[in-house]
Amino acid sequence: MNDGDFSMRRSRAFEVLIAWTTLACGLFLLAPVHVRALQARTQVVMLGTGNPNPTPEQSGPATAIIVDQRVYLVDAGPGIVRRAEAARLKGVEPLSSSNLNRVFLTHLHSDHTVGLPDLMFSPWVLGRTEPISVYGPPGTKRMTDHLEEAWSEDIYMRLFGLEPQASTEGYKAATHEIEGPGLIYSDELVRVFAIPVQHGSWP
């Protein structure tokens, strides 16, 4: 599959379970809440389908699930922000940078997470005003804390330099570590469940 084709699947979000797994890495089930689901539209956009091999035609693993214009990202492989923008330019309007504000990490392999700093900082520079919500296994908070530390000089210059950012919060990560299976997230549109799946050494 060529990522440039942006594989998109549309379906009515009525009694639909959206399941995602990357090579059996981890499983999230998004169940649209039925109150609004009768008129909801759901899109699944494959932003990246690659693996650790540097295949020029494929970006790293990343999927956007869009329910009623709200974006739920699964994994953050390399190129995620640029592929989201490319999809937006091809008509998937919800994938603007300011809407990239929640991501679910199936596991912490580098090819699934190396796009996370881009996801944290680029949308902030482009106008995101709230912290990004990051859901992932144990170790996720340590990762996001270290990313903020690693980019601290850049953050400082963007906050207090010649062209300061309007938001002092948009680069931050509100991290939620998943300790076990079950419901890990819900809003008026979806419920997200985590299910453990064996993937190499990852539990």
N, C-alpha and C. Protein backbone atom coordinates (compact mmCIF):
# COMPACT_ATOMS: atom_id res chain seq x y z
N MET A 1 0.84 -1.19 0.00
CA MET A 1 0.00 0.00 0.00
C MET A 1 0.88 1.24 0.00
N ASN A 2 0.60 2.18 -0.88
CA ASN A 2 1.33 3.43 -0.93
C ASN A 2 0.63 4.42 -0.02
N ASP A 3 1.38 5.02 0.93
CA ASP A 3 0.76 5.95 1.86
C ASP A 3 0.14 7.14 1.15
N GLY A 4 0.65 7.46 -0.03
CA GLY A 4 0.10 8.58 -0.76
C GLY A 4 -1.35 8.39 -1.15
N ASP A 5 -1.83 7.14 -1.14
CA ASP A 5 -3.21 6.86 -1.49
C ASP A 5 -4.16 7.11 -0.32
N PHE A 6 -3.63 7.22 0.90
CA PHE A 6 -4.42 7.47 2.10
C PHE A 6 -5.66 6.60 2.13
N SER A 7 -5.45 5.33 2.39
CA SER A 7 -6.57 4.40 2.43
C SER A 7 -7.61 4.89 3.41
N MET A 8 -8.82 5.17 2.94
CA MET A 8 -9.89 5.69 3.77
C MET A 8 -11.09 4.78 3.67
N ARG A 9 -11.66 4.46 4.81
CA ARG A 9 -12.88 3.67 4.82
C ARG A 9 -13.93 4.46 5.58
N ARG A 10 -15.12 4.59 5.00
CA ARG A 10 -16.19 5.34 5.62
C ARG A 10 -17.34 4.38 5.97
N SER A 11 -17.94 4.58 7.12
CA SER A 11 -19.11 3.78 7.46
C SER A 11 -19.93 4.54 8.48
N ARG A 12 -21.20 4.20 8.56
CA ARG A 12 -22.04 4.81 9.59
C ARG A 12 -21.60 4.27 10.95
N ALA A 13 -21.52 5.19 11.92
CA ALA A 13 -21.05 4.80 13.24
C ALA A 13 -22.22 4.30 14.08
N PHE A 14 -23.03 3.42 13.52
CA PHE A 14 -24.16 2.86 14.25
C PHE A 14 -23.85 1.42 14.58
N GLU A 15 -23.71 1.15 15.88
CA GLU A 15 -23.39 -0.18 16.35
C GLU A 15 -22.16 -0.73 15.64
N VAL A 16 -21.17 0.12 15.50
CA VAL A 16 -19.93 -0.28 14.83
C VAL A 16 -18.81 -0.30 15.85
N LEU A 17 -18.03 -1.34 15.83
CA LEU A 17 -16.80 -1.40 16.61
C LEU A 17 -15.65 -1.17 15.66
N ILE A 18 -14.79 -0.24 15.99
CA ILE A 18 -13.61 0.01 15.17
C ILE A 18 -12.44 -0.62 15.88
N ALA A 19 -11.85 -1.60 15.28
CA ALA A 19 -10.73 -2.30 15.91
C ALA A 19 -9.45 -1.96 15.18
N TRP A 20 -8.41 -1.76 15.96
CA TRP A 20 -7.11 -1.45 15.35
C TRP A 20 -6.03 -2.26 16.03
N THR A 21 -5.20 -2.87 15.23
CA THR A 21 -4.00 -3.48 15.77
C THR A 21 -2.90 -3.39 14.74
N THR A 22 -1.70 -3.19 15.17
CA THR A 22 -0.57 -3.12 14.26
C THR A 22 0.25 -4.37 14.44
N LEU A 23 0.12 -5.28 13.50
CA LEU A 23 0.87 -6.54 13.57
C LEU A 23 0.74 -7.18 14.95
N ALA A 24 -0.46 -7.16 15.46
CA ALA A 24 -0.75 -7.75 16.78
C ALA A 24 0.05 -7.10 17.90
N CYS A 25 0.27 -5.79 17.76
CA CYS A 25 1.03 -5.08 18.79
C CYS A 25 0.18 -4.75 20.00
N GLY A 26 -1.02 -4.35 19.75
CA GLY A 26 -1.90 -3.97 20.84
C GLY A 26 -3.24 -3.65 20.23
N LEU A 27 -4.29 -3.73 20.99
CA LEU A 27 -5.61 -3.61 20.40
C LEU A 27 -6.41 -2.57 21.15
N PHE A 28 -7.00 -1.65 20.42
CA PHE A 28 -7.92 -0.68 20.97
C PHE A 28 -9.25 -0.85 20.25
N LEU A 29 -10.33 -0.87 20.99
CA LEU A 29 -11.66 -0.93 20.39
C LEU A 29 -12.35 0.39 20.66
N LEU A 30 -12.81 1.06 19.61
CA LEU A 30 -13.54 2.30 19.76
C LEU A 30 -14.99 2.04 19.43
N ALA A 31 -15.84 2.19 20.41
CA ALA A 31 -17.26 1.94 20.19
C ALA A 31 -18.01 3.26 20.23
N PRO A 32 -18.48 3.77 19.09
CA PRO A 32 -19.21 5.02 19.09
C PRO A 32 -20.43 4.96 20.00
N VAL A 33 -20.62 6.00 20.79
CA VAL A 33 -21.75 6.06 21.72
C VAL A 33 -23.04 6.19 20.91
N HIS A 34 -24.05 5.42 21.25
CA HIS A 34 -25.22 5.29 20.40
C HIS A 34 -26.09 6.54 20.36
N VAL A 35 -26.02 7.40 21.37
CA VAL A 35 -26.90 8.55 21.40
C VAL A 35 -26.70 9.41 20.16
N ARG A 36 -25.43 9.62 19.77
CA ARG A 36 -25.16 10.45 18.61
C ARG A 36 -24.78 9.61 17.39
N ALA A 37 -24.63 8.33 17.59
CA ALA A 37 -24.09 7.50 16.51
C ALA A 37 -25.04 7.36 15.33
N LEU A 38 -26.35 7.59 15.55
CA LEU A 38 -27.30 7.40 14.47
C LEU A 38 -26.97 8.27 13.26
N GLN A 39 -26.41 9.46 13.50
CA GLN A 39 -26.12 10.36 12.40
C GLN A 39 -24.62 10.56 12.22
N ALA A 40 -23.83 9.80 12.91
CA ALA A 40 -22.38 10.00 12.85
C ALA A 40 -21.80 9.44 11.57
N ARG A 41 -20.70 10.03 11.15
CA ARG A 41 -19.91 9.50 10.05
C ARG A 41 -18.53 9.17 10.61
N THR A 42 -18.01 8.02 10.21
CA THR A 42 -16.72 7.55 10.70
C THR A 42 -15.78 7.35 9.53
N GLN A 43 -14.55 7.83 9.68
CA GLN A 43 -13.52 7.61 8.67
C GLN A 43 -12.31 6.98 9.34
N VAL A 44 -11.66 6.07 8.64
CA VAL A 44 -10.39 5.50 9.08
C VAL A 44 -9.36 5.84 8.01
N VAL A 45 -8.33 6.58 8.40
CA VAL A 45 -7.30 7.02 7.45
C VAL A 45 -5.97 6.41 7.86
N MET A 46 -5.39 5.63 6.98
CA MET A 46 -4.08 5.03 7.24
C MET A 46 -3.01 6.06 6.89
N LEU A 47 -2.47 6.72 7.90
CA LEU A 47 -1.45 7.74 7.66
C LEU A 47 -0.09 7.12 7.37
N GLY A 48 0.16 5.95 7.92
CA GLY A 48 1.42 5.26 7.68
C GLY A 48 1.24 3.78 7.92
N THR A 49 1.84 2.97 7.05
CA THR A 49 1.69 1.51 7.15
C THR A 49 3.04 0.81 7.11
N GLY A 50 4.10 1.56 7.36
CA GLY A 50 5.44 0.99 7.24
C GLY A 50 5.88 0.23 8.47
N ASN A 51 7.12 -0.22 8.42
CA ASN A 51 7.75 -0.92 9.54
C ASN A 51 9.13 -0.29 9.74
N PRO A 52 9.99 -0.85 10.57
CA PRO A 52 11.30 -0.21 10.79
C PRO A 52 12.15 -0.05 9.53
N ASN A 53 11.89 -0.83 8.49
CA ASN A 53 12.65 -0.67 7.25
C ASN A 53 12.31 0.67 6.60
N PRO A 54 13.31 1.43 6.14
CA PRO A 54 13.06 2.76 5.58
C PRO A 54 12.51 2.71 4.16
N THR A 55 11.29 2.21 4.02
CA THR A 55 10.66 2.13 2.71
C THR A 55 10.22 3.53 2.27
N PRO A 56 10.72 4.04 1.15
CA PRO A 56 10.41 5.41 0.75
C PRO A 56 8.93 5.69 0.55
N GLU A 57 8.17 4.67 0.14
CA GLU A 57 6.75 4.88 -0.16
C GLU A 57 5.85 4.82 1.06
N GLN A 58 6.40 4.47 2.22
CA GLN A 58 5.56 4.27 3.40
C GLN A 58 6.11 5.03 4.60
N SER A 59 5.22 5.76 5.25
CA SER A 59 5.57 6.37 6.53
C SER A 59 5.36 5.34 7.64
N GLY A 60 5.78 5.70 8.85
CA GLY A 60 5.66 4.78 9.97
C GLY A 60 4.23 4.56 10.41
N PRO A 61 4.00 3.54 11.24
CA PRO A 61 2.64 3.17 11.63
C PRO A 61 1.89 4.31 12.31
N ALA A 62 0.76 4.66 11.75
CA ALA A 62 -0.11 5.69 12.32
C ALA A 62 -1.46 5.62 11.62
N THR A 63 -2.51 5.68 12.42
CA THR A 63 -3.86 5.63 11.89
C THR A 63 -4.68 6.74 12.52
N ALA A 64 -5.50 7.40 11.72
CA ALA A 64 -6.44 8.39 12.24
C ALA A 64 -7.85 7.83 12.13
N ILE A 65 -8.55 7.79 13.25
CA ILE A 65 -9.96 7.41 13.27
C ILE A 65 -10.75 8.68 13.56
N ILE A 66 -11.62 9.04 12.65
CA ILE A 66 -12.36 10.31 12.75
C ILE A 66 -13.83 10.00 12.94
N VAL A 67 -14.39 10.50 14.04
CA VAL A 67 -15.81 10.31 14.33
C VAL A 67 -16.43 11.69 14.53
N ASP A 68 -17.40 12.03 13.70
CA ASP A 68 -18.03 13.35 13.77
C ASP A 68 -16.99 14.47 13.80
N GLN A 69 -16.01 14.37 12.94
CA GLN A 69 -14.96 15.39 12.77
C GLN A 69 -13.92 15.40 13.88
N ARG A 70 -14.07 14.54 14.87
CA ARG A 70 -13.08 14.48 15.96
C ARG A 70 -12.06 13.40 15.64
N VAL A 71 -10.79 13.72 15.89
CA VAL A 71 -9.68 12.86 15.48
C VAL A 71 -9.15 12.06 16.67
N TYR A 72 -9.02 10.75 16.46
CA TYR A 72 -8.39 9.85 17.43
C TYR A 72 -7.24 9.16 16.70
N LEU A 73 -6.01 9.45 17.13
CA LEU A 73 -4.83 8.88 16.48
C LEU A 73 -4.41 7.61 17.20
N VAL A 74 -3.98 6.63 16.44
CA VAL A 74 -3.44 5.40 16.99
C VAL A 74 -2.01 5.24 16.47
N ASP A 75 -1.07 5.29 17.38
CA ASP A 75 0.38 5.21 17.12
C ASP A 75 0.90 6.47 16.43
N ALA A 76 2.20 6.68 16.56
CA ALA A 76 2.83 7.92 16.09
C ALA A 76 4.14 7.59 15.40
N GLY A 77 4.05 6.88 14.29
CA GLY A 77 5.24 6.56 13.52
C GLY A 77 5.83 7.80 12.87
N PRO A 78 7.04 7.69 12.32
CA PRO A 78 7.67 8.84 11.68
C PRO A 78 6.84 9.37 10.52
N GLY A 79 6.73 10.69 10.44
CA GLY A 79 5.98 11.32 9.37
C GLY A 79 4.52 11.57 9.66
N ILE A 80 4.06 11.32 10.88
CA ILE A 80 2.63 11.38 11.18
C ILE A 80 2.03 12.75 10.92
N VAL A 81 2.70 13.82 11.32
CA VAL A 81 2.13 15.16 11.16
C VAL A 81 2.06 15.53 9.68
N ARG A 82 3.10 15.23 8.93
CA ARG A 82 3.10 15.56 7.51
C ARG A 82 2.09 14.73 6.72
N ARG A 83 1.93 13.47 7.09
CA ARG A 83 0.94 12.64 6.40
C ARG A 83 -0.47 13.11 6.74
N ALA A 84 -0.68 13.58 7.98
CA ALA A 84 -1.99 14.13 8.33
C ALA A 84 -2.28 15.37 7.50
N GLU A 85 -1.28 16.23 7.33
CA GLU A 85 -1.48 17.43 6.52
C GLU A 85 -1.71 17.07 5.05
N ALA A 86 -0.99 16.08 4.56
CA ALA A 86 -1.20 15.64 3.17
C ALA A 86 -2.62 15.12 2.98
N ALA A 87 -3.13 14.38 3.97
CA ALA A 87 -4.51 13.88 3.89
C ALA A 87 -5.50 15.04 3.94
N ARG A 88 -5.22 16.04 4.78
CA ARG A 88 -6.10 17.21 4.84
C ARG A 88 -6.17 17.91 3.48
N LEU A 89 -5.02 18.05 2.85
CA LEU A 89 -4.99 18.71 1.54
C LEU A 89 -5.72 17.90 0.48
N LYS A 90 -5.93 16.62 0.75
CA LYS A 90 -6.68 15.77 -0.18
C LYS A 90 -8.16 15.65 0.21
N GLY A 91 -8.57 16.47 1.18
CA GLY A 91 -9.99 16.53 1.49
C GLY A 91 -10.42 16.04 2.85
N VAL A 92 -9.48 15.52 3.65
CA VAL A 92 -9.85 15.05 4.99
C VAL A 92 -9.66 16.22 5.96
N GLU A 93 -10.61 17.15 5.95
CA GLU A 93 -10.47 18.41 6.66
C GLU A 93 -10.20 18.29 8.16
N PRO A 94 -10.76 17.31 8.87
CA PRO A 94 -10.50 17.25 10.31
C PRO A 94 -9.04 17.06 10.68
N LEU A 95 -8.19 16.63 9.73
CA LEU A 95 -6.80 16.34 10.07
C LEU A 95 -5.91 17.57 10.02
N SER A 96 -6.46 18.73 10.38
CA SER A 96 -5.62 19.92 10.53
C SER A 96 -4.79 19.78 11.79
N SER A 97 -3.66 20.46 11.83
CA SER A 97 -2.73 20.29 12.95
C SER A 97 -3.37 20.59 14.29
N SER A 98 -4.26 21.58 14.34
CA SER A 98 -4.87 21.96 15.61
C SER A 98 -5.78 20.88 16.16
N ASN A 99 -6.19 19.93 15.32
CA ASN A 99 -7.06 18.84 15.76
C ASN A 99 -6.31 17.59 16.20
N LEU A 100 -4.99 17.60 16.07
CA LEU A 100 -4.19 16.43 16.45
C LEU A 100 -3.89 16.52 17.94
N ASN A 101 -4.87 16.21 18.76
CA ASN A 101 -4.72 16.47 20.20
C ASN A 101 -4.96 15.25 21.09
N ARG A 102 -5.04 14.06 20.50
CA ARG A 102 -5.10 12.85 21.32
C ARG A 102 -4.52 11.69 20.51
N VAL A 103 -3.71 10.86 21.19
CA VAL A 103 -3.09 9.73 20.52
C VAL A 103 -3.05 8.55 21.48
N PHE A 104 -3.28 7.36 20.95
CA PHE A 104 -3.24 6.12 21.70
C PHE A 104 -2.08 5.29 21.17
N LEU A 105 -1.12 4.98 22.04
CA LEU A 105 0.06 4.21 21.64
C LEU A 105 -0.16 2.74 21.98
N THR A 106 -0.06 1.88 20.98
CA THR A 106 -0.27 0.45 21.23
C THR A 106 0.88 -0.15 22.02
N HIS A 107 2.09 0.34 21.78
CA HIS A 107 3.28 -0.09 22.51
C HIS A 107 4.39 0.91 22.20
N LEU A 108 5.54 0.75 22.82
CA LEU A 108 6.57 1.79 22.75
C LEU A 108 7.74 1.44 21.84
N HIS A 109 7.58 0.55 20.90
CA HIS A 109 8.60 0.36 19.89
C HIS A 109 8.87 1.69 19.18
N SER A 110 10.14 1.92 18.84
CA SER A 110 10.51 3.22 18.28
C SER A 110 9.77 3.53 16.98
N ASP A 111 9.52 2.53 16.14
CA ASP A 111 8.85 2.83 14.87
C ASP A 111 7.40 3.24 15.06
N HIS A 112 6.85 3.01 16.25
CA HIS A 112 5.48 3.43 16.55
C HIS A 112 5.44 4.73 17.35
N THR A 113 6.59 5.24 17.77
CA THR A 113 6.60 6.40 18.67
C THR A 113 7.54 7.52 18.25
N VAL A 114 8.39 7.29 17.24
CA VAL A 114 9.40 8.30 16.92
C VAL A 114 8.76 9.58 16.37
N GLY A 115 7.51 9.51 15.94
CA GLY A 115 6.80 10.71 15.52
C GLY A 115 6.14 11.46 16.66
N LEU A 116 6.25 10.96 17.88
CA LEU A 116 5.59 11.60 19.01
C LEU A 116 6.10 13.02 19.28
N PRO A 117 7.42 13.28 19.27
CA PRO A 117 7.84 14.67 19.47
C PRO A 117 7.30 15.61 18.40
N ASP A 118 7.23 15.15 17.16
CA ASP A 118 6.63 15.95 16.10
C ASP A 118 5.17 16.25 16.41
N LEU A 119 4.48 15.25 16.93
CA LEU A 119 3.07 15.39 17.28
C LEU A 119 2.88 16.32 18.47
N MET A 120 3.85 16.34 19.38
CA MET A 120 3.78 17.22 20.54
C MET A 120 4.06 18.67 20.17
N PHE A 121 5.09 18.89 19.35
CA PHE A 121 5.60 20.25 19.18
C PHE A 121 5.12 20.94 17.90
N SER A 122 5.03 20.25 16.79
CA SER A 122 4.66 20.93 15.53
C SER A 122 3.25 21.53 15.58
N PRO A 123 2.21 20.79 16.03
CA PRO A 123 0.90 21.42 16.11
C PRO A 123 0.86 22.60 17.08
N TRP A 124 1.68 22.56 18.12
CA TRP A 124 1.78 23.71 19.04
C TRP A 124 2.30 24.92 18.29
N VAL A 125 3.38 24.76 17.55
CA VAL A 125 3.94 25.87 16.77
C VAL A 125 2.91 26.40 15.78
N LEU A 126 2.04 25.51 15.29
CA LEU A 126 1.04 25.89 14.30
C LEU A 126 -0.28 26.33 14.93
N GLY A 127 -0.32 26.44 16.27
CA GLY A 127 -1.48 27.05 16.90
C GLY A 127 -2.26 26.23 17.90
N ARG A 128 -1.85 24.98 18.16
CA ARG A 128 -2.59 24.21 19.17
C ARG A 128 -2.38 24.85 20.54
N THR A 129 -3.45 25.00 21.31
CA THR A 129 -3.37 25.72 22.58
C THR A 129 -3.49 24.84 23.81
N GLU A 130 -3.90 23.59 23.64
CA GLU A 130 -4.07 22.68 24.77
C GLU A 130 -3.05 21.55 24.70
N PRO A 131 -2.69 20.96 25.85
CA PRO A 131 -1.78 19.80 25.82
C PRO A 131 -2.38 18.66 25.02
N ILE A 132 -1.52 17.88 24.40
CA ILE A 132 -1.98 16.68 23.70
C ILE A 132 -2.18 15.57 24.72
N SER A 133 -3.25 14.83 24.59
CA SER A 133 -3.50 13.69 25.47
C SER A 133 -2.85 12.45 24.88
N VAL A 134 -2.00 11.81 25.67
CA VAL A 134 -1.25 10.63 25.21
C VAL A 134 -1.62 9.45 26.09
N TYR A 135 -2.12 8.39 25.51
CA TYR A 135 -2.48 7.17 26.22
C TYR A 135 -1.55 6.06 25.77
N GLY A 136 -0.95 5.36 26.73
CA GLY A 136 -0.03 4.30 26.36
C GLY A 136 0.33 3.43 27.54
N PRO A 137 1.16 2.42 27.32
CA PRO A 137 1.54 1.48 28.37
C PRO A 137 2.50 2.11 29.36
N PRO A 138 2.82 1.41 30.46
CA PRO A 138 3.82 1.92 31.40
C PRO A 138 5.11 2.29 30.67
N GLY A 139 5.66 3.43 31.04
CA GLY A 139 6.83 3.97 30.36
C GLY A 139 6.50 5.15 29.48
N THR A 140 5.21 5.34 29.18
CA THR A 140 4.80 6.43 28.30
C THR A 140 5.06 7.79 28.94
N LYS A 141 4.77 7.93 30.24
CA LYS A 141 4.99 9.22 30.89
C LYS A 141 6.47 9.56 30.95
N ARG A 142 7.29 8.57 31.22
CA ARG A 142 8.73 8.83 31.23
C ARG A 142 9.18 9.32 29.85
N MET A 143 8.62 8.73 28.81
CA MET A 143 8.97 9.14 27.45
C MET A 143 8.56 10.59 27.20
N THR A 144 7.31 10.94 27.51
CA THR A 144 6.86 12.30 27.22
C THR A 144 7.58 13.32 28.09
N ASP A 145 7.87 12.97 29.34
CA ASP A 145 8.64 13.89 30.20
C ASP A 145 10.02 14.15 29.61
N HIS A 146 10.68 13.10 29.14
CA HIS A 146 12.01 13.26 28.56
C HIS A 146 11.96 14.02 27.25
N LEU A 147 10.89 13.87 26.49
CA LEU A 147 10.77 14.64 25.25
C LEU A 147 10.67 16.13 25.55
N GLU A 148 9.89 16.49 26.55
CA GLU A 148 9.81 17.91 26.93
C GLU A 148 11.17 18.41 27.39
N GLU A 149 11.90 17.59 28.12
CA GLU A 149 13.23 17.98 28.58
C GLU A 149 14.20 18.10 27.40
N ALA A 150 14.14 17.15 26.48
CA ALA A 150 15.05 17.17 25.33
C ALA A 150 14.84 18.40 24.46
N TRP A 151 13.62 18.87 24.36
CA TRP A 151 13.33 20.04 23.53
C TRP A 151 13.18 21.30 24.37
N SER A 152 13.70 21.32 25.58
CA SER A 152 13.50 22.45 26.48
C SER A 152 14.08 23.75 25.94
N GLU A 153 15.22 23.68 25.25
CA GLU A 153 15.81 24.90 24.69
C GLU A 153 14.90 25.48 23.60
N ASP A 154 14.39 24.62 22.76
CA ASP A 154 13.48 25.06 21.71
C ASP A 154 12.20 25.64 22.32
N ILE A 155 11.67 24.96 23.33
CA ILE A 155 10.46 25.44 24.00
C ILE A 155 10.70 26.82 24.59
N TYR A 156 11.84 27.00 25.24
CA TYR A 156 12.15 28.29 25.86
C TYR A 156 12.20 29.40 24.81
N MET A 157 12.90 29.14 23.70
CA MET A 157 13.03 30.15 22.67
C MET A 157 11.69 30.47 22.03
N ARG A 158 10.84 29.48 21.89
CA ARG A 158 9.54 29.73 21.28
C ARG A 158 8.60 30.46 22.24
N LEU A 159 8.83 30.32 23.53
CA LEU A 159 8.00 31.02 24.51
C LEU A 159 8.49 32.43 24.78
N PHE A 160 9.82 32.62 24.78
CA PHE A 160 10.38 33.90 25.22
C PHE A 160 11.28 34.56 24.19
N GLY A 161 11.32 34.02 22.97
CA GLY A 161 12.16 34.59 21.92
C GLY A 161 11.48 35.74 21.20
N LEU A 162 11.95 36.03 19.99
CA LEU A 162 11.46 37.18 19.24
C LEU A 162 10.03 36.99 18.74
N GLU A 163 9.62 35.73 18.55
CA GLU A 163 8.26 35.47 18.06
C GLU A 163 7.58 34.47 19.00
N PRO A 164 7.22 34.93 20.20
CA PRO A 164 6.70 33.99 21.21
C PRO A 164 5.37 33.37 20.80
N GLN A 165 5.22 32.10 21.17
CA GLN A 165 3.96 31.40 20.94
C GLN A 165 2.89 31.95 21.87
N ALA A 166 1.66 31.98 21.36
CA ALA A 166 0.57 32.49 22.17
C ALA A 166 0.24 31.56 23.33
N SER A 167 0.44 30.26 23.13
CA SER A 167 0.06 29.28 24.15
C SER A 167 1.28 28.78 24.91
N THR A 168 1.16 28.74 26.22
CA THR A 168 2.20 28.15 27.06
C THR A 168 1.87 26.71 27.43
N GLU A 169 0.81 26.16 26.86
CA GLU A 169 0.36 24.81 27.21
C GLU A 169 0.38 23.84 26.03
N GLY A 170 0.36 24.34 24.82
CA GLY A 170 0.14 23.51 23.65
C GLY A 170 1.21 22.48 23.36
N TYR A 171 2.41 22.65 23.91
CA TYR A 171 3.49 21.68 23.67
C TYR A 171 3.48 20.53 24.67
N LYS A 172 2.71 20.66 25.73
CA LYS A 172 2.76 19.69 26.82
C LYS A 172 1.98 18.43 26.48
N ALA A 173 2.31 17.36 27.20
CA ALA A 173 1.59 16.09 27.05
C ALA A 173 0.88 15.76 28.35
N ALA A 174 -0.42 15.55 28.26
CA ALA A 174 -1.19 15.01 29.38
C ALA A 174 -1.20 13.50 29.21
N THR A 175 -0.34 12.83 29.97
CA THR A 175 -0.08 11.41 29.73
C THR A 175 -0.89 10.52 30.66
N HIS A 176 -1.46 9.48 30.09
CA HIS A 176 -2.27 8.53 30.85
C HIS A 176 -1.71 7.13 30.59
N GLU A 177 -1.14 6.52 31.62
CA GLU A 177 -0.56 5.19 31.44
C GLU A 177 -1.61 4.11 31.69
N ILE A 178 -1.63 3.13 30.82
CA ILE A 178 -2.60 2.04 30.87
C ILE A 178 -1.99 0.89 31.66
N GLU A 179 -2.60 0.55 32.76
CA GLU A 179 -2.06 -0.49 33.62
C GLU A 179 -2.62 -1.88 33.32
N GLY A 180 -3.72 -1.94 32.63
CA GLY A 180 -4.32 -3.24 32.35
C GLY A 180 -5.47 -3.11 31.37
N PRO A 181 -6.09 -4.22 31.01
CA PRO A 181 -7.18 -4.18 30.04
C PRO A 181 -8.42 -3.50 30.60
N GLY A 182 -9.25 -3.03 29.69
CA GLY A 182 -10.50 -2.41 30.10
C GLY A 182 -10.68 -1.05 29.45
N LEU A 183 -11.67 -0.32 29.93
CA LEU A 183 -11.98 1.01 29.42
C LEU A 183 -10.87 1.98 29.82
N ILE A 184 -10.29 2.67 28.84
CA ILE A 184 -9.21 3.61 29.14
C ILE A 184 -9.55 5.04 28.76
N TYR A 185 -10.62 5.21 27.98
CA TYR A 185 -10.99 6.57 27.54
C TYR A 185 -12.44 6.54 27.09
N SER A 186 -13.15 7.63 27.36
CA SER A 186 -14.50 7.76 26.82
C SER A 186 -14.85 9.24 26.69
N ASP A 187 -15.65 9.55 25.70
CA ASP A 187 -16.25 10.86 25.58
C ASP A 187 -17.65 10.66 25.01
N GLU A 188 -18.29 11.72 24.56
CA GLU A 188 -19.67 11.58 24.08
C GLU A 188 -19.77 10.84 22.75
N LEU A 189 -18.62 10.59 22.10
CA LEU A 189 -18.62 9.93 20.80
C LEU A 189 -18.13 8.49 20.84
N VAL A 190 -17.10 8.21 21.62
CA VAL A 190 -16.50 6.88 21.59
C VAL A 190 -16.14 6.41 22.99
N ARG A 191 -15.96 5.11 23.10
CA ARG A 191 -15.33 4.49 24.26
C ARG A 191 -14.14 3.70 23.74
N VAL A 192 -13.03 3.78 24.42
CA VAL A 192 -11.81 3.10 23.98
C VAL A 192 -11.43 2.06 25.02
N PHE A 193 -11.24 0.83 24.57
CA PHE A 193 -10.85 -0.28 25.44
C PHE A 193 -9.48 -0.78 25.02
N ALA A 194 -8.66 -1.13 26.00
CA ALA A 194 -7.36 -1.74 25.75
C ALA A 194 -7.43 -3.23 26.03
N ILE A 195 -6.85 -4.00 25.14
CA ILE A 195 -6.78 -5.45 25.28
C ILE A 195 -5.33 -5.87 25.10
N PRO A 196 -4.75 -6.64 26.03
CA PRO A 196 -3.35 -7.04 25.87
C PRO A 196 -3.17 -8.02 24.72
N VAL A 197 -2.14 -7.78 23.93
CA VAL A 197 -1.80 -8.66 22.81
C VAL A 197 -0.29 -8.88 22.84
N GLN A 198 0.13 -10.12 22.80
CA GLN A 198 1.57 -10.43 22.84
C GLN A 198 2.23 -9.97 21.54
N HIS A 199 3.34 -9.25 21.68
CA HIS A 199 4.08 -8.77 20.50
C HIS A 199 5.56 -8.80 20.84
N GLY A 200 6.24 -9.85 20.48
CA GLY A 200 7.64 -9.98 20.83
C GLY A 200 7.80 -9.99 22.34
N SER A 201 8.67 -9.12 22.85
CA SER A 201 8.90 -9.03 24.29
C SER A 201 7.88 -8.16 25.00
N TRP A 202 7.03 -7.46 24.23
CA TRP A 202 6.05 -6.59 24.86
C TRP A 202 4.90 -7.43 25.40
N PRO A 203 4.47 -7.14 26.63
CA PRO A 203 3.35 -7.89 27.20
C PRO A 203 2.03 -7.53 26.53
